[in-house]
């Protein structure tokens, strides 16, 4: 009995020491990754942003925006088109800056906090990976987290996509831990509480998060049947609550406009416009009538932009009845059999660069905080480029030079990360222990969503980029 008690105490001491060593390692690695972001923080002070961020900041301040005008909610200022949590965070950061004496200060505080969070997530993923892969693989993955420019650039960017990618990476790591534990972690109470919290944040950051969770829930419930209720509670429940209670009851109660119908129908509308432009003489009177109930048919040829859905989808009639939408979808379906080539062309003209490298097509840089037109022309905002122009220009030249360099330039191509993700999925499918494909489920959803993406933009694959070092390393585990 004494021996048994002594062994128990020694085991607890070892576990305590291991946990504390892991915590210390996470802190040290986080500091290292933050140091690697410092040149970007200094050069682009107070940080970078995208067009949607400016729209969210305007909404927070009570200004009407184009995003809100797309809805059929009269007088709505806030819209879930960009995510309400995202709007409150971004706008709140700028307001905090005002209270501190400078909007730049508030903007930079947000960027700094996001940098710490992104660095901590990268450190956490490295510690988790360290128990399963060779040291050389771990060092390579760590170097990728530290030195891939796109990771640093988007970490210091105020964007719903950046925050979503960071939270999505946490989800990927936690799924990895579930799989490597043989599903046992699904019955660990504290782990499941943390997982639930991560999944709630994922849904609030981007609407696509809910569909990722439902996809994950389906396969986890089927695979871990003895713990199906745990998978359902931690994955399906947050998604269902968001799609029904939050989006359907809570947000409308606060006069928040929903994301427009055009977002889910965008790829269909684009394909229809392509058909109208390329085969105008072959569209029947019945088809014209169905299309006209949701789109301005006579303008479609001019509205059609081969590399973006925006010109067409933003002309979708938000007041179209459910019957009109159903009739349009039925017409869209039957037109596919008449003109499949037009549908394919409409899709690949947008999504092609996700799969095929584009020479000189390294679209990677968000905009400087002080250079976004929506805010620059409004007297209420004073976000400006406060860093050294010489240092900023030097950093731009360095990044562009790397992007134009053979081999290294691949790290700036969207197609590199998409094919890396596809390769991970294929490896998981053919190698032993095929259950590893379960922690690639968020990757799979992101790849599938590329086929309906409104435009070919780096921000739509940020999860594939942010999680790339961890995911690539996870394929090297022999356990």
Protein backbone atom coordinates (compact mmCIF):
# COMPACT_ATOMS: atom_id res chain seq x y z
CA UNK A 1 0.00 0.00 0.00
CA UNK A 2 2.86 2.36 0.88
CA UNK A 3 4.48 1.64 -2.46
CA UNK A 4 1.21 2.30 -4.23
CA UNK A 5 0.74 5.64 -2.43
CA UNK A 6 4.33 6.63 -3.14
CA UNK A 7 3.92 5.83 -6.85
CA UNK A 8 0.68 7.83 -6.90
CA UNK A 9 2.38 10.84 -5.31
CA UNK A 10 5.35 10.57 -7.69
CA UNK A 11 3.01 10.36 -10.66
CA UNK A 12 1.18 13.50 -9.50
CA UNK A 13 4.51 15.31 -9.10
CA UNK A 14 5.57 14.30 -12.60
CA UNK A 15 2.27 15.44 -14.07
CA UNK A 16 2.49 18.74 -12.16
CA UNK A 17 6.06 19.30 -13.37
CA UNK A 18 5.10 18.47 -16.95
CA UNK A 19 2.12 20.85 -16.92
CA UNK A 20 4.23 23.68 -15.51
CA UNK A 21 7.03 23.03 -17.99
CA UNK A 22 4.48 23.14 -20.82
CA UNK A 23 3.05 26.43 -19.51
CA UNK A 24 6.56 27.91 -19.31
CA UNK A 25 7.35 26.66 -22.81
CA UNK A 26 4.15 28.23 -24.19
CA UNK A 27 5.07 31.57 -22.60
CA UNK A 28 8.64 31.48 -23.95
CA UNK A 29 7.53 30.48 -27.45
CA UNK A 30 4.82 33.16 -27.39
CA UNK A 31 7.46 35.79 -26.62
CA UNK A 32 9.66 34.50 -29.46
CA UNK A 33 6.80 34.68 -31.97
CA UNK A 34 5.88 38.19 -30.79
CA UNK A 35 9.49 39.29 -31.31
CA UNK A 36 9.28 38.00 -34.89
CA UNK A 37 6.22 40.23 -35.47
CA UNK A 38 7.86 43.40 -34.08
CA UNK A 39 9.35 44.59 -37.43
CA UNK A 40 5.87 44.43 -38.95
CA UNK A 41 4.29 46.19 -35.95
CA UNK A 42 6.79 49.02 -36.20
CA UNK A 43 6.77 49.39 -40.00
CA UNK A 44 2.98 49.40 -40.33
CA UNK A 45 2.01 51.18 -37.09
CA UNK A 46 -0.77 51.38 -36.01
CA UNK A 47 -1.60 48.31 -38.13
CA UNK A 48 -3.34 47.04 -41.25
CA UNK A 49 -7.02 46.57 -42.07
CA UNK A 50 -9.44 45.59 -44.86
CA UNK A 51 -12.45 47.32 -46.41
CA UNK A 52 -14.92 45.32 -44.29
CA UNK A 53 -13.20 46.51 -41.12
CA UNK A 54 -13.89 50.13 -42.08
CA UNK A 55 -17.55 49.24 -42.64
CA UNK A 56 -17.76 47.67 -39.18
CA UNK A 57 -16.15 50.69 -37.51
CA UNK A 58 -18.66 52.98 -39.24
CA UNK A 59 -21.53 50.78 -38.02
CA UNK A 60 -20.23 50.94 -34.45
CA UNK A 61 -20.25 54.73 -34.66
CA UNK A 62 -23.81 54.74 -35.97
CA UNK A 63 -23.19 55.61 -39.62
CA UNK A 64 -25.29 53.92 -42.34
CA UNK A 65 -23.24 51.62 -44.56
CA UNK A 66 -23.62 49.79 -47.83
CA UNK A 67 -23.64 46.46 -45.95
CA UNK A 68 -26.68 47.56 -43.92
CA UNK A 69 -28.45 48.87 -47.03
CA UNK A 70 -28.38 45.38 -48.54
CA UNK A 71 -30.83 44.13 -45.93
CA UNK A 72 -34.59 44.60 -45.89
CA UNK A 73 -34.58 45.87 -42.29
CA UNK A 74 -35.58 49.57 -42.42
CA UNK A 75 -33.22 51.91 -40.58
CA UNK A 76 -30.78 49.17 -39.54
CA UNK A 77 -27.27 50.37 -38.72
CA UNK A 78 -25.74 47.19 -37.34
CA UNK A 79 -25.68 44.16 -39.62
CA UNK A 80 -24.54 40.60 -39.12
CA UNK A 81 -23.05 40.68 -42.60
CA UNK A 82 -19.64 41.13 -40.97
CA UNK A 83 -20.45 39.62 -37.58
CA UNK A 84 -21.69 41.71 -34.67
CA UNK A 85 -18.91 40.60 -32.29
CA UNK A 86 -16.39 41.66 -34.90
CA UNK A 87 -18.07 45.05 -35.24
CA UNK A 88 -18.13 45.64 -31.48
CA UNK A 89 -14.48 44.65 -31.09
CA UNK A 90 -13.14 46.75 -33.95
CA UNK A 91 -15.30 49.79 -33.33
CA UNK A 92 -14.76 49.50 -29.58
CA UNK A 93 -11.00 49.54 -30.07
CA UNK A 94 -11.16 52.80 -32.02
CA UNK A 95 -13.50 54.31 -29.38
CA UNK A 96 -11.05 53.26 -26.65
CA UNK A 97 -8.33 55.09 -28.56
CA UNK A 98 -10.42 58.26 -28.49
CA UNK A 99 -10.72 58.00 -24.71
CA UNK A 100 -6.94 57.58 -24.52
CA UNK A 101 -6.34 60.58 -26.76
CA UNK A 102 -5.73 58.94 -30.15
CA UNK A 103 -7.71 56.54 -32.35
CA UNK A 104 -4.36 55.15 -33.48
CA UNK A 105 -3.64 54.07 -29.91
CA UNK A 106 -6.85 52.09 -29.61
CA UNK A 107 -6.31 50.52 -33.04
CA UNK A 108 -2.77 49.50 -32.07
CA UNK A 109 -3.91 48.06 -28.72
CA UNK A 110 -6.27 45.77 -30.62
CA UNK A 111 -3.50 44.77 -33.06
CA UNK A 112 -1.11 44.11 -30.17
CA UNK A 113 -3.65 41.93 -28.35
CA UNK A 114 -4.36 40.00 -31.54
CA UNK A 115 -0.61 39.54 -32.05
CA UNK A 116 -0.26 38.14 -28.53
CA UNK A 117 -3.25 35.83 -29.09
CA UNK A 118 -1.97 34.62 -32.47
CA UNK A 119 1.51 34.03 -31.06
CA UNK A 120 0.12 32.15 -28.05
CA UNK A 121 -1.96 29.91 -30.33
CA UNK A 122 1.12 29.16 -32.46
CA UNK A 123 3.09 28.37 -29.27
CA UNK A 124 0.30 26.14 -27.95
CA UNK A 125 0.16 24.22 -31.22
CA UNK A 126 3.92 23.65 -31.09
CA UNK A 127 3.77 22.28 -27.54
CA UNK A 128 0.94 19.91 -28.50
CA UNK A 129 2.83 18.80 -31.61
CA UNK A 130 6.07 18.26 -29.66
CA UNK A 131 4.71 15.06 -28.11
CA UNK A 132 4.17 13.39 -31.47
CA UNK A 133 6.82 14.43 -34.03
CA UNK A 134 10.59 14.43 -34.46
CA UNK A 135 12.47 17.50 -33.25
CA UNK A 136 13.42 18.47 -36.82
CA UNK A 137 9.74 18.57 -37.83
CA UNK A 138 8.93 20.65 -34.77
CA UNK A 139 11.72 23.15 -35.51
CA UNK A 140 10.58 23.47 -39.12
CA UNK A 141 6.97 24.09 -38.07
CA UNK A 142 8.12 26.66 -35.50
CA UNK A 143 10.25 28.45 -38.10
CA UNK A 144 7.24 28.55 -40.44
CA UNK A 145 5.08 30.15 -37.74
CA UNK A 146 7.84 32.68 -37.05
CA UNK A 147 8.99 33.64 -40.52
CA UNK A 148 6.23 33.10 -43.13
CA UNK A 149 5.42 36.74 -44.01
CA UNK A 150 1.71 36.16 -44.65
CA UNK A 151 1.21 34.89 -41.10
CA UNK A 152 2.84 38.01 -39.65
CA UNK A 153 1.08 40.39 -42.06
CA UNK A 154 -2.40 39.09 -41.30
CA UNK A 155 -1.69 38.74 -37.58
CA UNK A 156 -1.25 42.54 -37.45
CA UNK A 157 -4.38 43.11 -39.56
CA UNK A 158 -7.68 44.19 -38.02
CA UNK A 159 -9.97 41.79 -39.84
CA UNK A 160 -12.67 39.29 -38.99
CA UNK A 161 -10.75 36.82 -41.16
CA UNK A 162 -7.60 37.15 -39.04
CA UNK A 163 -9.44 36.58 -35.79
CA UNK A 164 -11.43 33.72 -37.32
CA UNK A 165 -8.22 32.04 -38.57
CA UNK A 166 -6.57 32.29 -35.15
CA UNK A 167 -9.60 30.81 -33.37
CA UNK A 168 -9.94 28.20 -36.14
CA UNK A 169 -6.33 27.15 -35.55
CA UNK A 170 -7.14 26.54 -31.87
CA UNK A 171 -10.04 24.34 -33.01
CA UNK A 172 -7.74 22.36 -35.32
CA UNK A 173 -5.27 21.76 -32.47
CA UNK A 174 -8.03 20.67 -30.10
CA UNK A 175 -9.44 18.30 -32.74
CA UNK A 176 -5.91 16.90 -33.12
CA UNK A 177 -5.78 16.25 -29.38
CA UNK A 178 -9.16 14.52 -29.46
CA UNK A 179 -8.07 12.22 -32.27
CA UNK A 180 -4.68 11.44 -30.73
CA UNK A 181 -6.40 10.58 -27.42
CA UNK A 182 -8.60 8.08 -29.22
CA UNK A 183 -11.64 10.20 -28.41
CA UNK A 184 -11.07 10.07 -24.63
CA UNK A 185 -10.83 13.86 -24.37
CA UNK A 186 -14.47 14.08 -25.46
CA UNK A 187 -15.32 12.91 -21.95
CA UNK A 188 -12.94 15.30 -20.20
CA UNK A 189 -15.13 17.95 -18.60
CA UNK A 190 -12.69 20.88 -18.49
CA UNK A 191 -11.44 20.20 -22.01
CA UNK A 192 -14.98 20.15 -23.35
CA UNK A 193 -15.86 23.43 -21.61
CA UNK A 194 -12.84 25.09 -23.26
CA UNK A 195 -13.75 23.52 -26.61
CA UNK A 196 -17.33 24.78 -26.32
CA UNK A 197 -16.06 28.31 -25.62
CA UNK A 198 -13.74 28.19 -28.66
CA UNK A 199 -16.59 27.01 -30.88
CA UNK A 200 -18.92 29.76 -29.67
CA UNK A 201 -16.24 32.35 -30.53
CA UNK A 202 -15.78 30.75 -33.95
CA UNK A 203 -19.45 31.20 -34.84
CA UNK A 204 -19.52 34.80 -33.65
CA UNK A 205 -16.44 35.75 -35.67
CA UNK A 206 -17.63 34.55 -39.09
CA UNK A 207 -20.90 32.98 -40.17
CA UNK A 208 -19.07 30.14 -41.91
CA UNK A 209 -17.89 29.00 -38.47
CA UNK A 210 -21.32 27.50 -37.76
CA UNK A 211 -21.15 25.34 -40.89
CA UNK A 212 -17.66 24.15 -40.00
CA UNK A 213 -18.95 23.05 -36.59
CA UNK A 214 -21.95 21.20 -38.05
CA UNK A 215 -19.64 19.42 -40.49
CA UNK A 216 -17.30 18.44 -37.65
CA UNK A 217 -20.21 17.35 -35.45
CA UNK A 218 -21.56 14.99 -38.12
CA UNK A 219 -18.34 13.03 -38.52
CA UNK A 220 -17.33 13.08 -34.85
CA UNK A 221 -20.74 11.76 -33.81
CA UNK A 222 -20.49 8.97 -36.38
CA UNK A 223 -16.93 8.02 -35.46
CA UNK A 224 -17.05 8.38 -31.67
CA UNK A 225 -20.46 6.81 -31.17
CA UNK A 226 -19.93 6.11 -27.48
CA UNK A 227 -19.32 9.82 -26.89
CA UNK A 228 -21.78 11.11 -29.51
CA UNK A 229 -23.58 13.32 -26.99
CA UNK A 230 -20.29 15.05 -26.08
CA UNK A 231 -19.52 15.79 -29.73
CA UNK A 232 -23.06 17.02 -30.26
CA UNK A 233 -22.93 19.31 -27.21
CA UNK A 234 -19.56 20.86 -28.05
CA UNK A 235 -19.93 21.18 -31.85
CA UNK A 236 -23.55 20.96 -33.01
CA UNK A 237 -25.05 22.89 -30.09
CA UNK A 238 -23.04 26.14 -30.55
CA UNK A 239 -23.74 26.08 -34.28
CA UNK A 240 -27.48 25.46 -33.88
CA UNK A 241 -27.79 28.10 -31.15
CA UNK A 242 -26.05 30.63 -33.36
CA UNK A 243 -28.10 29.87 -36.49
CA UNK A 244 -31.44 29.80 -34.66
CA UNK A 245 -31.48 31.64 -31.32
CA UNK A 246 -28.75 34.23 -31.91
CA UNK A 247 -29.35 34.95 -35.61
CA UNK A 248 -33.10 34.36 -35.57
CA UNK A 249 -34.19 35.87 -32.23
CA UNK A 250 -31.52 37.80 -30.31
CA UNK A 251 -30.01 39.89 -33.11
CA UNK A 252 -33.36 40.88 -34.69
CA UNK A 253 -34.56 41.92 -31.22
CA UNK A 254 -31.73 44.47 -31.18
CA UNK A 255 -32.57 45.63 -34.70
CA UNK A 256 -29.47 43.98 -36.19
CA UNK A 257 -29.95 43.23 -39.89
CA UNK A 258 -29.17 39.66 -40.96
CA UNK A 259 -26.59 38.81 -43.58
CA UNK A 260 -28.29 39.22 -46.96
CA UNK A 261 -29.69 36.28 -48.92
CA UNK A 262 -27.30 37.17 -51.73
CA UNK A 263 -24.33 35.77 -49.76
CA UNK A 264 -25.44 32.14 -50.00
CA UNK A 265 -26.83 32.58 -53.52
CA UNK A 266 -23.86 34.55 -54.85
CA UNK A 267 -22.27 31.75 -56.87
CA UNK A 268 -25.63 30.90 -58.46
CA UNK A 269 -26.29 34.52 -59.38
CA UNK A 270 -22.81 34.76 -60.91
CA UNK A 271 -23.36 31.64 -63.00
CA UNK A 272 -26.73 32.93 -64.18
CA UNK A 273 -25.19 36.26 -65.22
CA UNK A 274 -22.46 34.42 -67.13
CA UNK A 275 -25.12 32.45 -69.05
CA UNK A 276 -27.03 35.63 -69.86
CA UNK A 277 -23.88 37.32 -71.12
CA UNK A 278 -22.53 34.41 -73.17
CA UNK A 279 -25.81 32.87 -74.40
CA UNK A 280 -28.35 35.75 -74.52
CA UNK A 281 -30.26 34.27 -77.45
CA UNK A 282 -30.78 30.93 -75.70
CA UNK A 283 -32.51 32.18 -72.55
CA UNK A 284 -36.22 31.35 -72.73
CA UNK A 285 -39.03 33.73 -71.84
CA UNK A 286 -39.90 31.59 -68.80
CA UNK A 287 -36.27 31.70 -67.59
CA UNK A 288 -36.11 35.47 -68.12
CA UNK A 289 -39.25 35.87 -66.02
CA UNK A 290 -37.86 33.76 -63.15
CA UNK A 291 -34.51 35.56 -63.19
CA UNK A 292 -36.17 38.98 -63.34
CA UNK A 293 -37.97 38.29 -60.06
CA UNK A 294 -34.66 38.37 -58.18
CA UNK A 295 -32.24 40.25 -60.50
CA UNK A 296 -32.40 43.11 -63.03
CA UNK A 297 -32.22 40.85 -66.09
CA UNK A 298 -31.62 43.62 -68.65
CA UNK A 299 -28.53 44.80 -66.74
CA UNK A 300 -26.92 41.41 -66.08
CA UNK A 301 -24.55 41.46 -69.05
CA UNK A 302 -23.11 44.77 -67.91
CA UNK A 303 -23.10 43.82 -64.22
CA UNK A 304 -21.22 40.57 -64.81
CA UNK A 305 -17.59 40.75 -63.63
CA UNK A 306 -15.67 37.53 -64.33
CA UNK A 307 -13.46 37.88 -61.22
CA UNK A 308 -16.02 38.99 -58.63
CA UNK A 309 -19.60 38.17 -57.65
CA UNK A 310 -20.17 41.61 -56.12
CA UNK A 311 -21.46 43.38 -59.23
CA UNK A 312 -24.26 40.84 -59.65
CA UNK A 313 -25.04 39.66 -56.12
CA UNK A 314 -25.40 43.16 -54.70
CA UNK A 315 -28.28 43.75 -57.15
CA UNK A 316 -30.23 40.82 -55.73
CA UNK A 317 -33.72 41.94 -54.69
CA UNK A 318 -33.81 41.57 -50.88
CA UNK A 319 -37.60 41.88 -50.98
CA UNK A 320 -38.03 38.95 -53.34
CA UNK A 321 -40.55 36.46 -51.96
CA UNK A 322 -39.63 32.93 -50.93
CA UNK A 323 -41.63 31.66 -53.90
CA UNK A 324 -39.64 33.87 -56.28
CA UNK A 325 -36.35 32.63 -54.80
CA UNK A 326 -37.47 28.99 -55.09
CA UNK A 327 -38.53 29.57 -58.69
CA UNK A 328 -35.17 31.15 -59.45
CA UNK A 329 -33.23 28.25 -57.87
CA UNK A 330 -35.27 25.78 -59.93
CA UNK A 331 -34.49 27.78 -63.08
CA UNK A 332 -30.79 27.95 -62.13
CA UNK A 333 -30.75 24.16 -61.73
CA UNK A 334 -32.25 23.43 -65.15
CA UNK A 335 -30.10 26.03 -66.91
CA UNK A 336 -27.03 24.12 -65.71
CA UNK A 337 -27.88 21.24 -68.06
CA UNK A 338 -28.17 23.66 -70.97
CA UNK A 339 -24.93 25.54 -70.31
CA UNK A 340 -22.62 23.59 -67.96
CA UNK A 341 -19.58 25.19 -69.56
CA UNK A 342 -20.80 28.69 -68.64
CA UNK A 343 -21.34 27.56 -65.04
CA UNK A 344 -17.82 26.08 -64.94
CA UNK A 345 -16.29 29.22 -66.45
CA UNK A 346 -18.14 31.50 -64.03
CA UNK A 347 -16.81 29.47 -61.09
CA UNK A 348 -13.21 28.96 -62.22
CA UNK A 349 -12.66 32.57 -63.34
CA UNK A 350 -13.04 33.49 -59.67
CA UNK A 351 -11.64 30.43 -57.91
CA UNK A 352 -8.94 29.47 -60.43
CA UNK A 353 -6.12 31.32 -58.67
CA UNK A 354 -6.86 29.31 -55.52
CA UNK A 355 -5.62 26.26 -57.41
CA UNK A 356 -3.30 27.59 -60.12
CA UNK A 357 -0.27 29.81 -59.36
CA UNK A 358 -0.58 33.22 -60.97
CA UNK A 359 2.76 34.76 -62.09
CA UNK A 360 3.08 38.10 -60.33
CA UNK A 361 -0.32 37.48 -58.78
CA UNK A 362 0.72 37.53 -55.13
CA UNK A 363 -2.27 39.41 -53.71
CA UNK A 364 -1.28 39.50 -50.08
CA UNK A 365 -1.27 43.00 -48.58
CA UNK A 366 -4.21 44.45 -46.67
CA UNK A 367 -4.42 48.24 -46.47
CA UNK A 368 -2.71 50.64 -44.11
CA UNK A 369 -5.05 51.78 -41.33
CA UNK A 370 -4.90 55.37 -42.53
CA UNK A 371 -5.48 54.63 -46.19
CA UNK A 372 -8.99 53.15 -46.23
CA UNK A 373 -11.26 55.49 -48.17
CA UNK A 374 -14.40 54.83 -46.09
CA UNK A 375 -12.76 56.26 -42.98
CA UNK A 376 -10.32 58.67 -44.59
CA UNK A 377 -13.14 60.79 -46.04
CA UNK A 378 -15.08 60.95 -42.76
CA UNK A 379 -14.07 63.76 -40.40
CA UNK A 380 -14.96 61.68 -37.34
CA UNK A 381 -11.95 59.43 -37.90
CA UNK A 382 -8.30 60.22 -37.55
CA UNK A 383 -6.63 56.87 -38.15
CA UNK A 384 -3.39 57.60 -39.97
CA UNK A 385 -0.08 56.01 -40.93
CA UNK A 386 2.06 57.14 -38.00
CA UNK A 387 5.11 54.97 -38.63
CA UNK A 388 8.23 55.89 -40.59
CA UNK A 389 7.50 56.08 -44.32
CA UNK A 390 11.11 55.09 -45.09
CA UNK A 391 10.83 51.98 -42.90
CA UNK A 392 7.43 51.14 -44.36
CA UNK A 393 8.73 51.46 -47.92
CA UNK A 394 11.74 49.32 -47.07
CA UNK A 395 9.48 46.61 -45.60
CA UNK A 396 7.25 46.77 -48.70
CA UNK A 397 10.29 46.32 -50.97
CA UNK A 398 11.53 43.40 -48.86
CA UNK A 399 8.16 41.64 -48.92
CA UNK A 400 7.66 42.25 -52.65
CA UNK A 401 11.20 41.04 -53.32
CA UNK A 402 10.52 37.79 -51.45
CA UNK A 403 7.19 37.38 -53.25
CA UNK A 404 8.98 37.69 -56.61
CA UNK A 405 11.76 35.26 -55.67
CA UNK A 406 11.50 31.73 -57.10
CA UNK A 407 10.53 29.05 -54.55
CA UNK A 408 10.19 31.58 -51.68
CA UNK A 409 7.52 33.33 -53.75
CA UNK A 410 5.31 30.23 -53.43
CA UNK A 411 4.68 31.22 -49.81
CA UNK A 412 2.80 34.25 -51.16
CA UNK A 413 0.62 32.27 -53.57
CA UNK A 414 -2.87 31.27 -52.49
CA UNK A 415 -2.59 28.04 -54.46
CA UNK A 416 0.38 26.88 -52.35
CA UNK A 417 -1.70 26.76 -49.18
CA UNK A 418 -4.74 25.29 -50.88
CA UNK A 419 -2.73 22.43 -52.39
CA UNK A 420 -0.87 21.93 -49.11
CA UNK A 421 -4.27 21.51 -47.43
CA UNK A 422 -5.47 19.12 -50.14
CA UNK A 423 -2.25 17.10 -49.80
CA UNK A 424 -2.77 16.85 -46.03
CA UNK A 425 -6.28 15.50 -46.59
CA UNK A 426 -5.06 12.99 -49.18
CA UNK A 427 -2.23 11.81 -46.92
CA UNK A 428 -4.62 11.36 -44.01
CA UNK A 429 -6.91 9.33 -46.28
CA UNK A 430 -4.24 6.91 -47.55
CA UNK A 431 -1.84 6.58 -44.62
CA UNK A 432 -2.45 4.26 -41.64
CA UNK A 433 -4.68 5.60 -38.84
CA UNK A 434 -7.11 7.31 -41.18
CA UNK A 435 -8.92 8.86 -38.23
CA UNK A 436 -6.42 11.69 -38.57
CA UNK A 437 -8.68 13.08 -41.27
CA UNK A 438 -11.03 14.12 -38.44
CA UNK A 439 -8.81 16.99 -37.31
CA UNK A 440 -8.63 18.15 -40.93
CA UNK A 441 -12.40 18.65 -41.12
CA UNK A 442 -12.20 22.48 -40.78
CA UNK A 443 -9.64 22.41 -43.61
CA UNK A 444 -12.01 20.39 -45.80
CA UNK A 445 -14.89 22.83 -45.26
CA UNK A 446 -12.66 25.80 -46.10
CA UNK A 447 -11.57 24.12 -49.35
CA UNK A 448 -15.18 23.36 -50.33
CA UNK A 449 -16.27 26.94 -49.62
CA UNK A 450 -13.66 28.22 -52.09
CA UNK A 451 -15.90 27.04 -54.94
CA UNK A 452 -18.55 29.54 -53.90
CA UNK A 453 -16.17 32.32 -52.81
CA UNK A 454 -17.28 35.78 -53.99
CA UNK A 455 -13.75 36.72 -55.07
CA UNK A 456 -10.27 35.18 -55.07
CA UNK A 457 -8.77 36.77 -51.97
CA UNK A 458 -6.08 35.66 -49.53
CA UNK A 459 -8.38 36.41 -46.63
CA UNK A 460 -10.73 33.58 -47.60
CA UNK A 461 -7.97 31.01 -47.02
CA UNK A 462 -6.46 32.54 -43.88
CA UNK A 463 -7.30 29.46 -41.80
CA UNK A 464 -5.33 27.36 -44.29
CA UNK A 465 -2.41 29.78 -43.92
CA UNK A 466 -2.45 30.32 -40.15
CA UNK A 467 -2.79 26.61 -39.36
CA UNK A 468 -0.43 25.47 -42.15
CA UNK A 469 2.70 24.85 -39.99
CA UNK A 470 0.72 22.81 -37.45
CA UNK A 471 -1.28 20.87 -40.04
CA UNK A 472 1.78 20.03 -42.13
CA UNK A 473 3.64 18.91 -39.01
CA UNK A 474 0.70 16.80 -37.84
CA UNK A 475 1.05 14.65 -40.95
CA UNK A 476 4.54 13.61 -39.76
CA UNK A 477 3.38 11.96 -36.56
CA UNK A 478 4.00 8.26 -36.31
CA UNK A 479 1.72 7.74 -33.33
